[in-house]
Amino acid sequence: MNRSEIQRLFTTAPFVQHVGMRLLEAGEGWCESEIEIQAHHQQQDSFIHAGVQATMADHTAGSAAATLIRPGQYVLTVEFKINLLRRYHQGVWKYAEGGVSFLLAKK
């Protein structure tokens, strides 16, 4: 796993930078990220917008998968499901952890 490549996934993705996601740690098959919830992350009732949570889930899981691929290969989400189980407010740090249980790749 190339840590600088995983960091690049966070620092060069414009939308990820816009929402303020940061890489915490990554290892082979896993990744952890965080975001400090601010006013621009909220929906109309002052809770974090589901799109922010989905972005965190998607990008963190994709980065976990990226720790397992060879140079010149790419990770692209085709489909995912998210269950929103808790509300978050401004000022709270949101944490995401992604892991890969298996990898299916074409040669």
PDB file of N, CA and C in Angstrom:
ATOM      1  N   MET A   1       0.838  -1.180   0.000  1.00  0.00           N
ATOM      2  CA  MET A   1       0.000   0.000   0.000  1.00  0.00           C
ATOM      3  C   MET A   1       0.884   1.245   0.000  1.00  0.00           C
ATOM      4  N   ASN A   2       0.540   2.193  -0.833  1.00  0.00           N
ATOM      5  CA  ASN A   2       1.279   3.440  -0.945  1.00  0.00           C
ATOM      6  C   ASN A   2       0.491   4.543  -0.230  1.00  0.00           C
ATOM      7  N   ARG A   3       0.930   4.916   0.972  1.00  0.00           N
ATOM      8  CA  ARG A   3       0.223   5.911   1.798  1.00  0.00           C
ATOM      9  C   ARG A   3       0.079   7.247   1.062  1.00  0.00           C
ATOM     10  N   SER A   4       1.111   7.662   0.344  1.00  0.00           N
ATOM     11  CA  SER A   4       1.030   8.949  -0.358  1.00  0.00           C
ATOM     12  C   SER A   4      -0.034   8.917  -1.458  1.00  0.00           C
ATOM     13  N   GLU A   5      -0.235   7.775  -2.065  1.00  0.00           N
ATOM     14  CA  GLU A   5      -1.293   7.654  -3.087  1.00  0.00           C
ATOM     15  C   GLU A   5      -2.667   7.757  -2.445  1.00  0.00           C
ATOM     16  N   ILE A   6      -2.848   7.150  -1.277  1.00  0.00           N
ATOM     17  CA  ILE A   6      -4.139   7.236  -0.583  1.00  0.00           C
ATOM     18  C   ILE A   6      -4.373   8.683  -0.145  1.00  0.00           C
ATOM     19  N   GLN A   7      -3.347   9.353   0.353  1.00  0.00           N
ATOM     20  CA  GLN A   7      -3.473  10.773   0.726  1.00  0.00           C
ATOM     21  C   GLN A   7      -3.850  11.611  -0.498  1.00  0.00           C
ATOM     22  N   ARG A   8      -3.283  11.278  -1.652  1.00  0.00           N
ATOM     23  CA  ARG A   8      -3.594  12.001  -2.887  1.00  0.00           C
ATOM     24  C   ARG A   8      -5.076  11.903  -3.223  1.00  0.00           C
ATOM     25  N   LEU A   9      -5.699  10.768  -2.926  1.00  0.00           N
ATOM     26  CA  LEU A   9      -7.132  10.601  -3.196  1.00  0.00           C
ATOM     27  C   LEU A   9      -7.968  11.618  -2.425  1.00  0.00           C
ATOM     28  N   PHE A  10      -7.474  12.036  -1.274  1.00  0.00           N
ATOM     29  CA  PHE A  10      -8.190  13.023  -0.460  1.00  0.00           C
ATOM     30  C   PHE A  10      -7.830  14.452  -0.849  1.00  0.00           C
ATOM     31  N   THR A  11      -6.594  14.692  -1.221  1.00  0.00           N
ATOM     32  CA  THR A  11      -6.159  16.072  -1.466  1.00  0.00           C
ATOM     33  C   THR A  11      -6.423  16.560  -2.885  1.00  0.00           C
ATOM     34  N   THR A  12      -6.691  15.658  -3.818  1.00  0.00           N
ATOM     35  CA  THR A  12      -6.907  16.096  -5.203  1.00  0.00           C
ATOM     36  C   THR A  12      -8.345  15.922  -5.688  1.00  0.00           C
ATOM     37  N   ALA A  13      -9.213  15.365  -4.877  1.00  0.00           N
ATOM     38  CA  ALA A  13     -10.628  15.218  -5.249  1.00  0.00           C
ATOM     39  C   ALA A  13     -11.354  16.513  -4.870  1.00  0.00           C
ATOM     40  N   PRO A  14     -11.773  17.320  -5.837  1.00  0.00           N
ATOM     41  CA  PRO A  14     -12.368  18.626  -5.524  1.00  0.00           C
ATOM     42  C   PRO A  14     -13.553  18.572  -4.560  1.00  0.00           C
ATOM     43  N   PHE A  15     -14.481  17.636  -4.747  1.00  0.00           N
ATOM     44  CA  PHE A  15     -15.653  17.608  -3.864  1.00  0.00           C
ATOM     45  C   PHE A  15     -15.270  17.183  -2.449  1.00  0.00           C
ATOM     46  N   VAL A  16     -14.366  16.230  -2.335  1.00  0.00           N
ATOM     47  CA  VAL A  16     -13.889  15.784  -1.025  1.00  0.00           C
ATOM     48  C   VAL A  16     -13.222  16.950  -0.297  1.00  0.00           C
ATOM     49  N   GLN A  17     -12.440  17.747  -1.013  1.00  0.00           N
ATOM     50  CA  GLN A  17     -11.821  18.938  -0.427  1.00  0.00           C
ATOM     51  C   GLN A  17     -12.888  19.966  -0.041  1.00  0.00           C
ATOM     52  N   HIS A  18     -13.901  20.116  -0.882  1.00  0.00           N
ATOM     53  CA  HIS A  18     -14.967  21.088  -0.620  1.00  0.00           C
ATOM     54  C   HIS A  18     -15.695  20.783   0.689  1.00  0.00           C
ATOM     55  N   VAL A  19     -15.993  19.526   0.939  1.00  0.00           N
ATOM     56  CA  VAL A  19     -16.708  19.182   2.172  1.00  0.00           C
ATOM     57  C   VAL A  19     -15.771  19.096   3.371  1.00  0.00           C
ATOM     58  N   GLY A  20     -14.461  19.058   3.140  1.00  0.00           N
ATOM     59  CA  GLY A  20     -13.503  19.093   4.246  1.00  0.00           C
ATOM     60  C   GLY A  20     -13.106  17.743   4.816  1.00  0.00           C
ATOM     61  N   MET A  21     -13.266  16.683   4.040  1.00  0.00           N
ATOM     62  CA  MET A  21     -12.856  15.355   4.522  1.00  0.00           C
ATOM     63  C   MET A  21     -11.344  15.268   4.627  1.00  0.00           C
ATOM     64  N   ARG A  22     -10.877  14.558   5.647  1.00  0.00           N
ATOM     65  CA  ARG A  22      -9.442  14.345   5.850  1.00  0.00           C
ATOM     66  C   ARG A  22      -9.164  12.866   6.091  1.00  0.00           C
ATOM     67  N   LEU A  23      -8.074  12.407   5.536  1.00  0.00           N
ATOM     68  CA  LEU A  23      -7.589  11.053   5.789  1.00  0.00           C
ATOM     69  C   LEU A  23      -6.976  11.018   7.176  1.00  0.00           C
ATOM     70  N   LEU A  24      -7.377  10.037   7.978  1.00  0.00           N
ATOM     71  CA  LEU A  24      -6.753   9.829   9.285  1.00  0.00           C
ATOM     72  C   LEU A  24      -5.651   8.784   9.172  1.00  0.00           C
ATOM     73  N   GLU A  25      -6.048   7.586   8.775  1.00  0.00           N
ATOM     74  CA  GLU A  25      -5.116   6.466   8.661  1.00  0.00           C
ATOM     75  C   GLU A  25      -5.594   5.553   7.550  1.00  0.00           C
ATOM     76  N   ALA A  26      -4.691   4.736   7.056  1.00  0.00           N
ATOM     77  CA  ALA A  26      -5.051   3.722   6.062  1.00  0.00           C
ATOM     78  C   ALA A  26      -4.042   2.595   6.159  1.00  0.00           C
ATOM     79  N   GLY A  27      -4.500   1.423   5.854  1.00  0.00           N
ATOM     80  CA  GLY A  27      -3.647   0.244   5.822  1.00  0.00           C
ATOM     81  C   GLY A  27      -4.184  -0.691   4.767  1.00  0.00           C
ATOM     82  N   GLU A  28      -3.599  -1.824   4.642  1.00  0.00           N
ATOM     83  CA  GLU A  28      -4.010  -2.764   3.610  1.00  0.00           C
ATOM     84  C   GLU A  28      -5.459  -3.215   3.828  1.00  0.00           C
ATOM     85  N   GLY A  29      -6.350  -2.727   2.949  1.00  0.00           N
ATOM     86  CA  GLY A  29      -7.759  -3.106   3.001  1.00  0.00           C
ATOM     87  C   GLY A  29      -8.622  -2.269   3.927  1.00  0.00           C
ATOM     88  N   TRP A  30      -8.093  -1.173   4.482  1.00  0.00           N
ATOM     89  CA  TRP A  30      -8.909  -0.331   5.356  1.00  0.00           C
ATOM     90  C   TRP A  30      -8.495   1.137   5.267  1.00  0.00           C
ATOM     91  N   CYS A  31      -9.416   1.999   5.668  1.00  0.00           N
ATOM     92  CA  CYS A  31      -9.175   3.439   5.634  1.00  0.00           C
ATOM     93  C   CYS A  31     -10.067   4.107   6.677  1.00  0.00           C
ATOM     94  N   GLU A  32      -9.564   5.185   7.288  1.00  0.00           N
ATOM     95  CA  GLU A  32     -10.336   5.977   8.241  1.00  0.00           C
ATOM     96  C   GLU A  32     -10.256   7.446   7.830  1.00  0.00           C
ATOM     97  N   SER A  33     -11.397   8.132   7.889  1.00  0.00           N
ATOM     98  CA  SER A  33     -11.433   9.550   7.547  1.00  0.00           C
ATOM     99  C   SER A  33     -12.280  10.294   8.566  1.00  0.00           C
ATOM    100  N   GLU A  34     -12.211  11.634   8.509  1.00  0.00           N
ATOM    101  CA  GLU A  34     -13.009  12.453   9.419  1.00  0.00           C
ATOM    102  C   GLU A  34     -13.407  13.750   8.729  1.00  0.00           C
ATOM    103  N   ILE A  35     -14.387  14.402   9.344  1.00  0.00           N
ATOM    104  CA  ILE A  35     -14.843  15.705   8.872  1.00  0.00           C
ATOM    105  C   ILE A  35     -15.407  16.452  10.082  1.00  0.00           C
ATOM    106  N   GLU A  36     -15.134  17.741  10.159  1.00  0.00           N
ATOM    107  CA  GLU A  36     -15.752  18.551  11.198  1.00  0.00           C
ATOM    108  C   GLU A  36     -17.018  19.146  10.609  1.00  0.00           C
ATOM    109  N   ILE A  37     -18.156  18.839  11.218  1.00  0.00           N
ATOM    110  CA  ILE A  37     -19.438  19.295  10.698  1.00  0.00           C
ATOM    111  C   ILE A  37     -19.546  20.811  10.886  1.00  0.00           C
ATOM    112  N   GLN A  38     -19.823  21.497   9.770  1.00  0.00           N
ATOM    113  CA  GLN A  38     -19.979  22.947   9.779  1.00  0.00           C
ATOM    114  C   GLN A  38     -21.345  23.297   9.192  1.00  0.00           C
ATOM    115  N   ALA A  39     -21.680  24.569   9.247  1.00  0.00           N
ATOM    116  CA  ALA A  39     -23.006  25.021   8.805  1.00  0.00           C
ATOM    117  C   ALA A  39     -23.310  24.612   7.368  1.00  0.00           C
ATOM    118  N   HIS A  40     -22.332  24.651   6.475  1.00  0.00           N
ATOM    119  CA  HIS A  40     -22.610  24.332   5.073  1.00  0.00           C
ATOM    120  C   HIS A  40     -22.840  22.830   4.831  1.00  0.00           C
ATOM    121  N   HIS A  41     -22.657  21.993   5.844  1.00  0.00           N
ATOM    122  CA  HIS A  41     -22.946  20.558   5.729  1.00  0.00           C
ATOM    123  C   HIS A  41     -24.392  20.227   6.122  1.00  0.00           C
ATOM    124  N   GLN A  42     -25.119  21.206   6.615  1.00  0.00           N
ATOM    125  CA  GLN A  42     -26.442  20.954   7.173  1.00  0.00           C
ATOM    126  C   GLN A  42     -27.554  20.996   6.123  1.00  0.00           C
ATOM    127  N   GLN A  43     -28.620  20.259   6.452  1.00  0.00           N
ATOM    128  CA  GLN A  43     -29.838  20.380   5.667  1.00  0.00           C
ATOM    129  C   GLN A  43     -30.760  21.360   6.398  1.00  0.00           C
ATOM    130  N   GLN A  44     -31.992  21.475   5.964  1.00  0.00           N
ATOM    131  CA  GLN A  44     -32.914  22.504   6.456  1.00  0.00           C
ATOM    132  C   GLN A  44     -33.245  22.418   7.939  1.00  0.00           C
ATOM    133  N   ASP A  45     -33.065  21.263   8.587  1.00  0.00           N
ATOM    134  CA  ASP A  45     -33.400  21.101  10.006  1.00  0.00           C
ATOM    135  C   ASP A  45     -32.157  21.078  10.896  1.00  0.00           C
ATOM    136  N   SER A  46     -31.032  21.550  10.359  1.00  0.00           N
ATOM    137  CA  SER A  46     -29.767  21.696  11.087  1.00  0.00           C
ATOM    138  C   SER A  46     -29.037  20.381  11.365  1.00  0.00           C
ATOM    139  N   PHE A  47     -29.401  19.320  10.691  1.00  0.00           N
ATOM    140  CA  PHE A  47     -28.664  18.064  10.799  1.00  0.00           C
ATOM    141  C   PHE A  47     -27.745  17.926   9.592  1.00  0.00           C
ATOM    142  N   ILE A  48     -26.709  17.118   9.724  1.00  0.00           N
ATOM    143  CA  ILE A  48     -25.805  16.906   8.601  1.00  0.00           C
ATOM    144  C   ILE A  48     -26.598  16.303   7.435  1.00  0.00           C
ATOM    145  N   HIS A  49     -26.355  16.800   6.262  1.00  0.00           N
ATOM    146  CA  HIS A  49     -27.045  16.331   5.062  1.00  0.00           C
ATOM    147  C   HIS A  49     -26.629  14.892   4.753  1.00  0.00           C
ATOM    148  N   ALA A  50     -27.576  14.084   4.345  1.00  0.00           N
ATOM    149  CA  ALA A  50     -27.290  12.679   4.015  1.00  0.00           C
ATOM    150  C   ALA A  50     -26.243  12.557   2.914  1.00  0.00           C
ATOM    151  N   GLY A  51     -26.194  13.538   2.027  1.00  0.00           N
ATOM    152  CA  GLY A  51     -25.200  13.514   0.963  1.00  0.00           C
ATOM    153  C   GLY A  51     -23.775  13.608   1.484  1.00  0.00           C
ATOM    154  N   VAL A  52     -23.579  14.332   2.579  1.00  0.00           N
ATOM    155  CA  VAL A  52     -22.255  14.417   3.202  1.00  0.00           C
ATOM    156  C   VAL A  52     -21.881  13.055   3.774  1.00  0.00           C
ATOM    157  N   GLN A  53     -22.828  12.419   4.451  1.00  0.00           N
ATOM    158  CA  GLN A  53     -22.566  11.099   5.027  1.00  0.00           C
ATOM    159  C   GLN A  53     -22.309  10.065   3.928  1.00  0.00           C
ATOM    160  N   ALA A  54     -23.071  10.150   2.852  1.00  0.00           N
ATOM    161  CA  ALA A  54     -22.869   9.218   1.740  1.00  0.00           C
ATOM    162  C   ALA A  54     -21.517   9.452   1.075  1.00  0.00           C
ATOM    163  N   THR A  55     -21.120  10.713   0.951  1.00  0.00           N
ATOM    164  CA  THR A  55     -19.812  11.021   0.374  1.00  0.00           C
ATOM    165  C   THR A  55     -18.702  10.434   1.236  1.00  0.00           C
ATOM    166  N   MET A  56     -18.825  10.587   2.540  1.00  0.00           N
ATOM    167  CA  MET A  56     -17.812  10.015   3.439  1.00  0.00           C
ATOM    168  C   MET A  56     -17.744   8.504   3.294  1.00  0.00           C
ATOM    169  N   ALA A  57     -18.902   7.864   3.271  1.00  0.00           N
ATOM    170  CA  ALA A  57     -18.934   6.401   3.151  1.00  0.00           C
ATOM    171  C   ALA A  57     -18.326   5.949   1.828  1.00  0.00           C
ATOM    172  N   ASP A  58     -18.716   6.589   0.750  1.00  0.00           N
ATOM    173  CA  ASP A  58     -18.239   6.212  -0.576  1.00  0.00           C
ATOM    174  C   ASP A  58     -16.733   6.424  -0.715  1.00  0.00           C
ATOM    175  N   HIS A  59     -16.269   7.615  -0.341  1.00  0.00           N
ATOM    176  CA  HIS A  59     -14.856   7.932  -0.553  1.00  0.00           C
ATOM    177  C   HIS A  59     -13.943   7.132   0.386  1.00  0.00           C
ATOM    178  N   THR A  60     -14.382   6.923   1.612  1.00  0.00           N
ATOM    179  CA  THR A  60     -13.569   6.163   2.562  1.00  0.00           C
ATOM    180  C   THR A  60     -13.492   4.698   2.155  1.00  0.00           C
ATOM    181  N   ALA A  61     -14.608   4.119   1.742  1.00  0.00           N
ATOM    182  CA  ALA A  61     -14.600   2.724   1.283  1.00  0.00           C
ATOM    183  C   ALA A  61     -13.784   2.577   0.001  1.00  0.00           C
ATOM    184  N   GLY A  62     -13.924   3.521  -0.914  1.00  0.00           N
ATOM    185  CA  GLY A  62     -13.142   3.483  -2.145  1.00  0.00           C
ATOM    186  C   GLY A  62     -11.653   3.594  -1.871  1.00  0.00           C
ATOM    187  N   SER A  63     -11.295   4.425  -0.912  1.00  0.00           N
ATOM    188  CA  SER A  63      -9.886   4.566  -0.546  1.00  0.00           C
ATOM    189  C   SER A  63      -9.360   3.289   0.105  1.00  0.00           C
ATOM    190  N   ALA A  64     -10.204   2.610   0.886  1.00  0.00           N
ATOM    191  CA  ALA A  64      -9.808   1.322   1.461  1.00  0.00           C
ATOM    192  C   ALA A  64      -9.522   0.318   0.348  1.00  0.00           C
ATOM    193  N   ALA A  65     -10.379   0.297  -0.662  1.00  0.00           N
ATOM    194  CA  ALA A  65     -10.168  -0.605  -1.805  1.00  0.00           C
ATOM    195  C   ALA A  65      -8.910  -0.225  -2.572  1.00  0.00           C
ATOM    196  N   ALA A  66      -8.623   1.076  -2.654  1.00  0.00           N
ATOM    197  CA  ALA A  66      -7.442   1.546  -3.384  1.00  0.00           C
ATOM    198  C   ALA A  66      -6.138   1.081  -2.745  1.00  0.00           C
ATOM    199  N   THR A  67      -6.181   0.723  -1.467  1.00  0.00           N
ATOM    200  CA  THR A  67      -4.965   0.219  -0.813  1.00  0.00           C
ATOM    201  C   THR A  67      -4.584  -1.167  -1.325  1.00  0.00           C
ATOM    202  N   LEU A  68      -5.477  -1.814  -2.063  1.00  0.00           N
ATOM    203  CA  LEU A  68      -5.254  -3.193  -2.502  1.00  0.00           C
ATOM    204  C   LEU A  68      -4.983  -3.344  -3.995  1.00  0.00           C
ATOM    205  N   ILE A  69      -5.000  -2.255  -4.727  1.00  0.00           N
ATOM    206  CA  ILE A  69      -4.848  -2.369  -6.181  1.00  0.00           C
ATOM    207  C   ILE A  69      -3.413  -2.077  -6.618  1.00  0.00           C
ATOM    208  N   ARG A  70      -3.117  -2.494  -7.829  1.00  0.00           N
ATOM    209  CA  ARG A  70      -1.786  -2.267  -8.404  1.00  0.00           C
ATOM    210  C   ARG A  70      -1.728  -0.900  -9.080  1.00  0.00           C
ATOM    211  N   PRO A  71      -0.529  -0.357  -9.276  1.00  0.00           N
ATOM    212  CA  PRO A  71      -0.390   0.901 -10.015  1.00  0.00           C
ATOM    213  C   PRO A  71      -1.056   0.794 -11.390  1.00  0.00           C
ATOM    214  N   GLY A  72      -1.747   1.848 -11.776  1.00  0.00           N
ATOM    215  CA  GLY A  72      -2.441   1.859 -13.065  1.00  0.00           C
ATOM    216  C   GLY A  72      -3.864   1.342 -12.985  1.00  0.00           C
ATOM    217  N   GLN A  73      -4.268   0.764 -11.846  1.00  0.00           N
ATOM    218  CA  GLN A  73      -5.648   0.324 -11.654  1.00  0.00           C
ATOM    219  C   GLN A  73      -6.413   1.429 -10.924  1.00  0.00           C
ATOM    220  N   TYR A  74      -7.749   1.402 -11.052  1.00  0.00           N
ATOM    221  CA  TYR A  74      -8.594   2.418 -10.440  1.00  0.00           C
ATOM    222  C   TYR A  74      -9.751   1.758  -9.705  1.00  0.00           C
ATOM    223  N   VAL A  75     -10.281   2.476  -8.735  1.00  0.00           N
ATOM    224  CA  VAL A  75     -11.466   2.046  -7.991  1.00  0.00           C
ATOM    225  C   VAL A  75     -12.599   2.979  -8.381  1.00  0.00           C
ATOM    226  N   LEU A  76     -13.742   2.412  -8.711  1.00  0.00           N
ATOM    227  CA  LEU A  76     -14.917   3.201  -9.066  1.00  0.00           C
ATOM    228  C   LEU A  76     -16.140   2.551  -8.435  1.00  0.00           C
ATOM    229  N   THR A  77     -16.915   3.330  -7.689  1.00  0.00           N
ATOM    230  CA  THR A  77     -18.126   2.807  -7.070  1.00  0.00           C
ATOM    231  C   THR A  77     -19.194   2.587  -8.131  1.00  0.00           C
ATOM    232  N   VAL A  78     -19.777   1.414  -8.117  1.00  0.00           N
ATOM    233  CA  VAL A  78     -20.870   1.099  -9.031  1.00  0.00           C
ATOM    234  C   VAL A  78     -22.198   1.237  -8.289  1.00  0.00           C
ATOM    235  N   GLU A  79     -22.223   0.788  -7.041  1.00  0.00           N
ATOM    236  CA  GLU A  79     -23.449   0.846  -6.250  1.00  0.00           C
ATOM    237  C   GLU A  79     -23.097   0.702  -4.785  1.00  0.00           C
ATOM    238  N   PHE A  80     -23.837   1.399  -3.918  1.00  0.00           N
ATOM    239  CA  PHE A  80     -23.710   1.163  -2.484  1.00  0.00           C
ATOM    240  C   PHE A  80     -25.000   1.568  -1.795  1.00  0.00           C
ATOM    241  N   LYS A  81     -25.203   1.058  -0.605  1.00  0.00           N
ATOM    242  CA  LYS A  81     -26.385   1.358   0.191  1.00  0.00           C
ATOM    243  C   LYS A  81     -25.924   1.939   1.514  1.00  0.00           C
ATOM    244  N   ILE A  82     -26.664   2.904   2.017  1.00  0.00           N
ATOM    245  CA  ILE A  82     -26.305   3.524   3.285  1.00  0.00           C
ATOM    246  C   ILE A  82     -27.542   3.584   4.180  1.00  0.00           C
ATOM    247  N   ASN A  83     -27.356   3.271   5.452  1.00  0.00           N
ATOM    248  CA  ASN A  83     -28.402   3.399   6.462  1.00  0.00           C
ATOM    249  C   ASN A  83     -28.002   4.544   7.385  1.00  0.00           C
ATOM    250  N   LEU A  84     -28.857   5.520   7.505  1.00  0.00           N
ATOM    251  CA  LEU A  84     -28.579   6.692   8.339  1.00  0.00           C
ATOM    252  C   LEU A  84     -29.186   6.455   9.709  1.00  0.00           C
ATOM    253  N   LEU A  85     -28.355   6.106  10.670  1.00  0.00           N
ATOM    254  CA  LEU A  85     -28.835   5.669  11.972  1.00  0.00           C
ATOM    255  C   LEU A  85     -28.737   6.724  13.071  1.00  0.00           C
ATOM    256  N   ARG A  86     -28.015   7.816  12.806  1.00  0.00           N
ATOM    257  CA  ARG A  86     -27.801   8.819  13.841  1.00  0.00           C
ATOM    258  C   ARG A  86     -27.744  10.195  13.202  1.00  0.00           C
ATOM    259  N   ARG A  87     -28.272  11.201  13.899  1.00  0.00           N
ATOM    260  CA  ARG A  87     -28.216  12.578  13.415  1.00  0.00           C
ATOM    261  C   ARG A  87     -26.954  13.250  13.950  1.00  0.00           C
ATOM    262  N   TYR A  88     -26.382  14.130  13.147  1.00  0.00           N
ATOM    263  CA  TYR A  88     -25.192  14.870  13.553  1.00  0.00           C
ATOM    264  C   TYR A  88     -25.442  16.359  13.405  1.00  0.00           C
ATOM    265  N   HIS A  89     -24.861  17.141  14.304  1.00  0.00           N
ATOM    266  CA  HIS A  89     -25.017  18.593  14.324  1.00  0.00           C
ATOM    267  C   HIS A  89     -23.686  19.279  14.061  1.00  0.00           C
ATOM    268  N   GLN A  90     -23.755  20.575  13.792  1.00  0.00           N
ATOM    269  CA  GLN A  90     -22.565  21.399  13.570  1.00  0.00           C
ATOM    270  C   GLN A  90     -21.627  21.310  14.771  1.00  0.00           C
ATOM    271  N   GLY A  91     -20.323  21.311  14.505  1.00  0.00           N
ATOM    272  CA  GLY A  91     -19.313  21.290  15.553  1.00  0.00           C
ATOM    273  C   GLY A  91     -18.873  19.897  15.965  1.00  0.00           C
ATOM    274  N   VAL A  92     -19.606  18.892  15.557  1.00  0.00           N
ATOM    275  CA  VAL A  92     -19.278  17.509  15.886  1.00  0.00           C
ATOM    276  C   VAL A  92     -18.308  16.970  14.845  1.00  0.00           C
ATOM    277  N   TRP A  93     -17.353  16.165  15.285  1.00  0.00           N
ATOM    278  CA  TRP A  93     -16.455  15.495  14.341  1.00  0.00           C
ATOM    279  C   TRP A  93     -17.106  14.194  13.916  1.00  0.00           C
ATOM    280  N   LYS A  94     -17.260  14.002  12.638  1.00  0.00           N
ATOM    281  CA  LYS A  94     -17.823  12.769  12.082  1.00  0.00           C
ATOM    282  C   LYS A  94     -16.665  11.907  11.631  1.00  0.00           C
ATOM    283  N   TYR A  95     -16.745  10.635  11.945  1.00  0.00           N
ATOM    284  CA  TYR A  95     -15.684   9.678  11.671  1.00  0.00           C
ATOM    285  C   TYR A  95     -16.221   8.585  10.752  1.00  0.00           C
ATOM    286  N   ALA A  96     -15.437   8.178   9.796  1.00  0.00           N
ATOM    287  CA  ALA A  96     -15.836   7.076   8.902  1.00  0.00           C
ATOM    288  C   ALA A  96     -14.710   6.060   8.830  1.00  0.00           C
ATOM    289  N   GLU A  97     -15.094   4.809   8.768  1.00  0.00           N
ATOM    290  CA  GLU A  97     -14.132   3.719   8.612  1.00  0.00           C
ATOM    291  C   GLU A  97     -14.624   2.827   7.475  1.00  0.00           C
ATOM    292  N   GLY A  98     -13.729   2.521   6.555  1.00  0.00           N
ATOM    293  CA  GLY A  98     -14.077   1.642   5.435  1.00  0.00           C
ATOM    294  C   GLY A  98     -13.156   0.447   5.407  1.00  0.00           C
ATOM    295  N   GLY A  99     -13.690  -0.681   5.007  1.00  0.00           N
ATOM    296  CA  GLY A  99     -12.886  -1.887   4.913  1.00  0.00           C
ATOM    297  C   GLY A  99     -13.305  -2.725   3.735  1.00  0.00           C
ATOM    298  N   VAL A 100     -12.400  -3.551   3.280  1.00  0.00           N
ATOM    299  CA  VAL A 100     -12.654  -4.436   2.145  1.00  0.00           C
ATOM    300  C   VAL A 100     -12.668  -5.871   2.657  1.00  0.00           C
ATOM    301  N   SER A 101     -13.774  -6.569   2.421  1.00  0.00           N
ATOM    302  CA  SER A 101     -13.847  -7.965   2.851  1.00  0.00           C
ATOM    303  C   SER A 101     -13.431  -8.911   1.725  1.00  0.00           C
ATOM    304  N   PHE A 102     -13.567  -8.488   0.484  1.00  0.00           N
ATOM    305  CA  PHE A 102     -13.051  -9.265  -0.643  1.00  0.00           C
ATOM    306  C   PHE A 102     -12.877  -8.323  -1.810  1.00  0.00           C
ATOM    307  N   LEU A 103     -12.008  -8.701  -2.743  1.00  0.00           N
ATOM    308  CA  LEU A 103     -11.727  -7.873  -3.901  1.00  0.00           C
ATOM    309  C   LEU A 103     -11.920  -8.720  -5.142  1.00  0.00           C
ATOM    310  N   LEU A 104     -12.750  -8.244  -6.042  1.00  0.00           N
ATOM    311  CA  LEU A 104     -12.992  -8.931  -7.302  1.00  0.00           C
ATOM    312  C   LEU A 104     -12.420  -8.062  -8.410  1.00  0.00           C
ATOM    313  N   ALA A 105     -11.473  -8.592  -9.149  1.00  0.00           N
ATOM    314  CA  ALA A 105     -10.831  -7.803 -10.202  1.00  0.00           C
ATOM    315  C   ALA A 105     -10.603  -8.644 -11.425  1.00  0.00           C
ATOM    316  N   LYS A 106     -10.714  -8.016 -12.579  1.00  0.00           N
ATOM    317  CA  LYS A 106     -10.391  -8.676 -13.838  1.00  0.00           C
ATOM    318  C   LYS A 106      -8.903  -8.549 -14.082  1.00  0.00           C
ATOM    319  N   LYS A 107      -8.321  -9.545 -14.709  1.00  0.00           N
ATOM    320  CA  LYS A 107      -6.891  -9.472 -15.050  1.00  0.00           C
ATOM    321  C   LYS A 107      -6.663  -8.591 -16.234  1.00  0.00           C
TER     322      LYS A 107
END
